[in-house]
Amino acid sequence: MLSYESKCEDLHGHNWIVKIYCKSEALNQDGMVTDFTLIKKKISSALDHKNLNDVLPMNPTA
């Protein structure tokens, strides 16, 4: 909720880009830090079609 009137007060959608950085002291048996598919699945299940205000620890509005 904003402290002033705005057309963005109502729930609405946006597109977003997430940057993920992976770091490890050793690679797994496949020679990777992790598989991209696993990362995508975790991010999508946490954020896709969700109210970001409810799932993120900060206000996602720029």
PDB file of N, CA and C in Angstrom:
ATOM      1  N   MET A   1       0.844  -1.183   0.000  1.00  0.00           N
ATOM      2  CA  MET A   1       0.000   0.000   0.000  1.00  0.00           C
ATOM      3  C   MET A   1       0.884   1.240   0.000  1.00  0.00           C
ATOM      4  N   LEU A   2       0.559   2.159  -0.867  1.00  0.00           N
ATOM      5  CA  LEU A   2       1.329   3.396  -0.982  1.00  0.00           C
ATOM      6  C   LEU A   2       0.781   4.473  -0.054  1.00  0.00           C
ATOM      7  N   SER A   3       1.620   5.436   0.241  1.00  0.00           N
ATOM      8  CA  SER A   3       1.195   6.542   1.093  1.00  0.00           C
ATOM      9  C   SER A   3       0.523   7.652   0.287  1.00  0.00           C
ATOM     10  N   TYR A   4       0.328   7.443  -1.014  1.00  0.00           N
ATOM     11  CA  TYR A   4      -0.319   8.416  -1.892  1.00  0.00           C
ATOM     12  C   TYR A   4      -1.154   7.663  -2.925  1.00  0.00           C
ATOM     13  N   GLU A   5      -2.084   8.364  -3.569  1.00  0.00           N
ATOM     14  CA  GLU A   5      -2.920   7.733  -4.581  1.00  0.00           C
ATOM     15  C   GLU A   5      -2.109   7.462  -5.842  1.00  0.00           C
ATOM     16  N   SER A   6      -2.284   6.271  -6.395  1.00  0.00           N
ATOM     17  CA  SER A   6      -1.536   5.881  -7.590  1.00  0.00           C
ATOM     18  C   SER A   6      -2.330   4.838  -8.368  1.00  0.00           C
ATOM     19  N   LYS A   7      -2.181   4.839  -9.702  1.00  0.00           N
ATOM     20  CA  LYS A   7      -2.841   3.819 -10.505  1.00  0.00           C
ATOM     21  C   LYS A   7      -2.250   2.435 -10.244  1.00  0.00           C
ATOM     22  N   CYS A   8      -1.090   2.373  -9.598  1.00  0.00           N
ATOM     23  CA  CYS A   8      -0.440   1.092  -9.303  1.00  0.00           C
ATOM     24  C   CYS A   8      -0.839   0.524  -7.947  1.00  0.00           C
ATOM     25  N   GLU A   9      -1.830   1.114  -7.300  1.00  0.00           N
ATOM     26  CA  GLU A   9      -2.280   0.607  -6.002  1.00  0.00           C
ATOM     27  C   GLU A   9      -2.903  -0.777  -6.124  1.00  0.00           C
ATOM     28  N   ASP A  10      -3.618  -1.016  -7.227  1.00  0.00           N
ATOM     29  CA  ASP A  10      -4.261  -2.316  -7.413  1.00  0.00           C
ATOM     30  C   ASP A  10      -3.242  -3.347  -7.884  1.00  0.00           C
ATOM     31  N   LEU A  11      -3.486  -4.602  -7.528  1.00  0.00           N
ATOM     32  CA  LEU A  11      -2.617  -5.691  -7.932  1.00  0.00           C
ATOM     33  C   LEU A  11      -2.548  -5.747  -9.455  1.00  0.00           C
ATOM     34  N   HIS A  12      -1.335  -5.835  -9.975  1.00  0.00           N
ATOM     35  CA  HIS A  12      -1.138  -5.878 -11.413  1.00  0.00           C
ATOM     36  C   HIS A  12       0.145  -6.642 -11.706  1.00  0.00           C
ATOM     37  N   GLY A  13       0.351  -7.018 -12.948  1.00  0.00           N
ATOM     38  CA  GLY A  13       1.496  -7.851 -13.315  1.00  0.00           C
ATOM     39  C   GLY A  13       2.618  -7.082 -13.960  1.00  0.00           C
ATOM     40  N   HIS A  14       3.782  -7.685 -13.907  1.00  0.00           N
ATOM     41  CA  HIS A  14       4.987  -7.155 -14.541  1.00  0.00           C
ATOM     42  C   HIS A  14       5.808  -8.330 -15.043  1.00  0.00           C
ATOM     43  N   ASN A  15       6.704  -8.058 -15.965  1.00  0.00           N
ATOM     44  CA  ASN A  15       7.733  -9.025 -16.338  1.00  0.00           C
ATOM     45  C   ASN A  15       8.956  -8.712 -15.503  1.00  0.00           C
ATOM     46  N   TRP A  16       9.772  -9.708 -15.261  1.00  0.00           N
ATOM     47  CA  TRP A  16      10.959  -9.492 -14.438  1.00  0.00           C
ATOM     48  C   TRP A  16      12.112 -10.330 -14.945  1.00  0.00           C
ATOM     49  N   ILE A  17      13.291  -9.910 -14.611  1.00  0.00           N
ATOM     50  CA  ILE A  17      14.517 -10.625 -14.945  1.00  0.00           C
ATOM     51  C   ILE A  17      15.240 -10.892 -13.635  1.00  0.00           C
ATOM     52  N   VAL A  18      15.698 -12.110 -13.469  1.00  0.00           N
ATOM     53  CA  VAL A  18      16.425 -12.495 -12.269  1.00  0.00           C
ATOM     54  C   VAL A  18      17.835 -12.883 -12.681  1.00  0.00           C
ATOM     55  N   LYS A  19      18.824 -12.323 -12.006  1.00  0.00           N
ATOM     56  CA  LYS A  19      20.214 -12.719 -12.237  1.00  0.00           C
ATOM     57  C   LYS A  19      20.640 -13.629 -11.094  1.00  0.00           C
ATOM     58  N   ILE A  20      21.178 -14.773 -11.460  1.00  0.00           N
ATOM     59  CA  ILE A  20      21.622 -15.762 -10.489  1.00  0.00           C
ATOM     60  C   ILE A  20      23.123 -15.957 -10.660  1.00  0.00           C
ATOM     61  N   TYR A  21      23.841 -15.918  -9.560  1.00  0.00           N
ATOM     62  CA  TYR A  21      25.273 -16.185  -9.565  1.00  0.00           C
ATOM     63  C   TYR A  21      25.506 -17.429  -8.721  1.00  0.00           C
ATOM     64  N   CYS A  22      26.185 -18.408  -9.297  1.00  0.00           N
ATOM     65  CA  CYS A  22      26.473 -19.659  -8.582  1.00  0.00           C
ATOM     66  C   CYS A  22      27.978 -19.777  -8.389  1.00  0.00           C
ATOM     67  N   LYS A  23      28.344 -20.188  -7.201  1.00  0.00           N
ATOM     68  CA  LYS A  23      29.755 -20.316  -6.863  1.00  0.00           C
ATOM     69  C   LYS A  23      29.927 -21.579  -6.029  1.00  0.00           C
ATOM     70  N   SER A  24      31.019 -22.288  -6.276  1.00  0.00           N
ATOM     71  CA  SER A  24      31.272 -23.515  -5.532  1.00  0.00           C
ATOM     72  C   SER A  24      32.775 -23.746  -5.442  1.00  0.00           C
ATOM     73  N   GLU A  25      33.194 -24.369  -4.374  1.00  0.00           N
ATOM     74  CA  GLU A  25      34.611 -24.724  -4.250  1.00  0.00           C
ATOM     75  C   GLU A  25      34.948 -25.928  -5.123  1.00  0.00           C
ATOM     76  N   ALA A  26      33.941 -26.719  -5.472  1.00  0.00           N
ATOM     77  CA  ALA A  26      34.165 -27.902  -6.305  1.00  0.00           C
ATOM     78  C   ALA A  26      32.976 -28.095  -7.242  1.00  0.00           C
ATOM     79  N   LEU A  27      33.241 -28.710  -8.380  1.00  0.00           N
ATOM     80  CA  LEU A  27      32.182 -29.026  -9.327  1.00  0.00           C
ATOM     81  C   LEU A  27      31.552 -30.361  -8.960  1.00  0.00           C
ATOM     82  N   ASN A  28      30.305 -30.566  -9.386  1.00  0.00           N
ATOM     83  CA  ASN A  28      29.645 -31.851  -9.115  1.00  0.00           C
ATOM     84  C   ASN A  28      30.177 -32.915 -10.068  1.00  0.00           C
ATOM     85  N   GLN A  29      29.642 -34.112  -9.994  1.00  0.00           N
ATOM     86  CA  GLN A  29      30.137 -35.226 -10.811  1.00  0.00           C
ATOM     87  C   GLN A  29      29.958 -35.004 -12.305  1.00  0.00           C
ATOM     88  N   ASP A  30      29.104 -34.044 -12.680  1.00  0.00           N
ATOM     89  CA  ASP A  30      28.883 -33.730 -14.092  1.00  0.00           C
ATOM     90  C   ASP A  30      29.738 -32.555 -14.562  1.00  0.00           C
ATOM     91  N   GLY A  31      30.595 -32.041 -13.681  1.00  0.00           N
ATOM     92  CA  GLY A  31      31.472 -30.933 -14.042  1.00  0.00           C
ATOM     93  C   GLY A  31      30.804 -29.574 -13.974  1.00  0.00           C
ATOM     94  N   MET A  32      29.717 -29.466 -13.213  1.00  0.00           N
ATOM     95  CA  MET A  32      28.986 -28.205 -13.084  1.00  0.00           C
ATOM     96  C   MET A  32      28.877 -27.809 -11.620  1.00  0.00           C
ATOM     97  N   VAL A  33      28.600 -26.537 -11.381  1.00  0.00           N
ATOM     98  CA  VAL A  33      28.242 -26.096 -10.030  1.00  0.00           C
ATOM     99  C   VAL A  33      26.839 -26.598  -9.730  1.00  0.00           C
ATOM    100  N   THR A  34      25.918 -26.381 -10.660  1.00  0.00           N
ATOM    101  CA  THR A  34      24.557 -26.895 -10.562  1.00  0.00           C
ATOM    102  C   THR A  34      23.936 -26.882 -11.951  1.00  0.00           C
ATOM    103  N   ASP A  35      22.867 -27.567 -12.128  1.00  0.00           N
ATOM    104  CA  ASP A  35      22.185 -27.625 -13.415  1.00  0.00           C
ATOM    105  C   ASP A  35      21.224 -26.441 -13.533  1.00  0.00           C
ATOM    106  N   PHE A  36      21.256 -25.761 -14.681  1.00  0.00           N
ATOM    107  CA  PHE A  36      20.393 -24.608 -14.917  1.00  0.00           C
ATOM    108  C   PHE A  36      18.914 -24.959 -14.721  1.00  0.00           C
ATOM    109  N   THR A  37      18.529 -26.168 -15.114  1.00  0.00           N
ATOM    110  CA  THR A  37      17.130 -26.587 -14.977  1.00  0.00           C
ATOM    111  C   THR A  37      16.676 -26.557 -13.519  1.00  0.00           C
ATOM    112  N   LEU A  38      17.545 -26.970 -12.605  1.00  0.00           N
ATOM    113  CA  LEU A  38      17.199 -26.949 -11.177  1.00  0.00           C
ATOM    114  C   LEU A  38      17.033 -25.521 -10.660  1.00  0.00           C
ATOM    115  N   ILE A  39      17.912 -24.636 -11.099  1.00  0.00           N
ATOM    116  CA  ILE A  39      17.819 -23.230 -10.690  1.00  0.00           C
ATOM    117  C   ILE A  39      16.515 -22.630 -11.208  1.00  0.00           C
ATOM    118  N   LYS A  40      16.232 -22.837 -12.485  1.00  0.00           N
ATOM    119  CA  LYS A  40      15.016 -22.290 -13.091  1.00  0.00           C
ATOM    120  C   LYS A  40      13.773 -22.797 -12.371  1.00  0.00           C
ATOM    121  N   LYS A  41      13.755 -24.081 -12.034  1.00  0.00           N
ATOM    122  CA  LYS A  41      12.608 -24.667 -11.349  1.00  0.00           C
ATOM    123  C   LYS A  41      12.400 -24.023  -9.970  1.00  0.00           C
ATOM    124  N   LYS A  42      13.493 -23.818  -9.228  1.00  0.00           N
ATOM    125  CA  LYS A  42      13.383 -23.210  -7.892  1.00  0.00           C
ATOM    126  C   LYS A  42      12.901 -21.764  -7.974  1.00  0.00           C
ATOM    127  N   ILE A  43      13.453 -21.003  -8.910  1.00  0.00           N
ATOM    128  CA  ILE A  43      13.059 -19.597  -9.054  1.00  0.00           C
ATOM    129  C   ILE A  43      11.615 -19.506  -9.530  1.00  0.00           C
ATOM    130  N   SER A  44      11.259 -20.281 -10.541  1.00  0.00           N
ATOM    131  CA  SER A  44       9.892 -20.235 -11.065  1.00  0.00           C
ATOM    132  C   SER A  44       8.871 -20.645 -10.017  1.00  0.00           C
ATOM    133  N   SER A  45       9.164 -21.693  -9.265  1.00  0.00           N
ATOM    134  CA  SER A  45       8.192 -22.141  -8.264  1.00  0.00           C
ATOM    135  C   SER A  45       8.038 -21.118  -7.140  1.00  0.00           C
ATOM    136  N   ALA A  46       9.081 -20.333  -6.887  1.00  0.00           N
ATOM    137  CA  ALA A  46       9.007 -19.331  -5.820  1.00  0.00           C
ATOM    138  C   ALA A  46       8.350 -18.037  -6.283  1.00  0.00           C
ATOM    139  N   LEU A  47       8.533 -17.661  -7.566  1.00  0.00           N
ATOM    140  CA  LEU A  47       8.111 -16.330  -8.011  1.00  0.00           C
ATOM    141  C   LEU A  47       7.031 -16.289  -9.089  1.00  0.00           C
ATOM    142  N   ASP A  48       6.957 -17.298  -9.941  1.00  0.00           N
ATOM    143  CA  ASP A  48       6.046 -17.235 -11.084  1.00  0.00           C
ATOM    144  C   ASP A  48       4.584 -17.269 -10.645  1.00  0.00           C
ATOM    145  N   HIS A  49       3.806 -16.343 -11.158  1.00  0.00           N
ATOM    146  CA  HIS A  49       2.382 -16.200 -10.852  1.00  0.00           C
ATOM    147  C   HIS A  49       2.131 -16.021  -9.350  1.00  0.00           C
ATOM    148  N   LYS A  50       3.023 -15.303  -8.716  1.00  0.00           N
ATOM    149  CA  LYS A  50       2.883 -15.010  -7.290  1.00  0.00           C
ATOM    150  C   LYS A  50       2.797 -13.496  -7.103  1.00  0.00           C
ATOM    151  N   ASN A  51       2.223 -13.092  -5.998  1.00  0.00           N
ATOM    152  CA  ASN A  51       2.249 -11.686  -5.601  1.00  0.00           C
ATOM    153  C   ASN A  51       3.613 -11.457  -4.954  1.00  0.00           C
ATOM    154  N   LEU A  52       4.509 -10.776  -5.675  1.00  0.00           N
ATOM    155  CA  LEU A  52       5.876 -10.609  -5.191  1.00  0.00           C
ATOM    156  C   LEU A  52       5.941  -9.884  -3.851  1.00  0.00           C
ATOM    157  N   ASN A  53       4.964  -9.036  -3.571  1.00  0.00           N
ATOM    158  CA  ASN A  53       4.922  -8.375  -2.261  1.00  0.00           C
ATOM    159  C   ASN A  53       4.765  -9.385  -1.131  1.00  0.00           C
ATOM    160  N   ASP A  54       4.160 -10.531  -1.431  1.00  0.00           N
ATOM    161  CA  ASP A  54       3.948 -11.565  -0.413  1.00  0.00           C
ATOM    162  C   ASP A  54       5.122 -12.511  -0.275  1.00  0.00           C
ATOM    163  N   VAL A  55       5.949 -12.652  -1.290  1.00  0.00           N
ATOM    164  CA  VAL A  55       7.018 -13.658  -1.242  1.00  0.00           C
ATOM    165  C   VAL A  55       8.420 -13.106  -1.108  1.00  0.00           C
ATOM    166  N   LEU A  56       8.621 -11.821  -1.374  1.00  0.00           N
ATOM    167  CA  LEU A  56       9.951 -11.224  -1.254  1.00  0.00           C
ATOM    168  C   LEU A  56      10.091 -10.442   0.047  1.00  0.00           C
ATOM    169  N   PRO A  57      11.296 -10.404   0.606  1.00  0.00           N
ATOM    170  CA  PRO A  57      11.499  -9.701   1.887  1.00  0.00           C
ATOM    171  C   PRO A  57      11.651  -8.192   1.733  1.00  0.00           C
ATOM    172  N   MET A  58      11.482  -7.672   0.504  1.00  0.00           N
ATOM    173  CA  MET A  58      11.569  -6.236   0.272  1.00  0.00           C
ATOM    174  C   MET A  58      10.460  -5.807  -0.684  1.00  0.00           C
ATOM    175  N   ASN A  59      10.258  -4.512  -0.814  1.00  0.00           N
ATOM    176  CA  ASN A  59       9.269  -3.983  -1.744  1.00  0.00           C
ATOM    177  C   ASN A  59       9.838  -4.100  -3.165  1.00  0.00           C
ATOM    178  N   PRO A  60       9.238  -4.907  -4.039  1.00  0.00           N
ATOM    179  CA  PRO A  60       9.787  -5.127  -5.379  1.00  0.00           C
ATOM    180  C   PRO A  60       9.495  -3.995  -6.353  1.00  0.00           C
ATOM    181  N   THR A  61       8.827  -2.954  -5.909  1.00  0.00           N
ATOM    182  CA  THR A  61       8.522  -1.831  -6.801  1.00  0.00           C
ATOM    183  C   THR A  61       9.699  -0.881  -6.893  1.00  0.00           C
ATOM    184  N   ALA A  62      10.067  -0.515  -8.120  1.00  0.00           N
ATOM    185  CA  ALA A  62      11.192   0.402  -8.336  1.00  0.00           C
ATOM    186  C   ALA A  62      10.813   1.801  -7.919  1.00  0.00           C
TER     187      ALA A  62
END
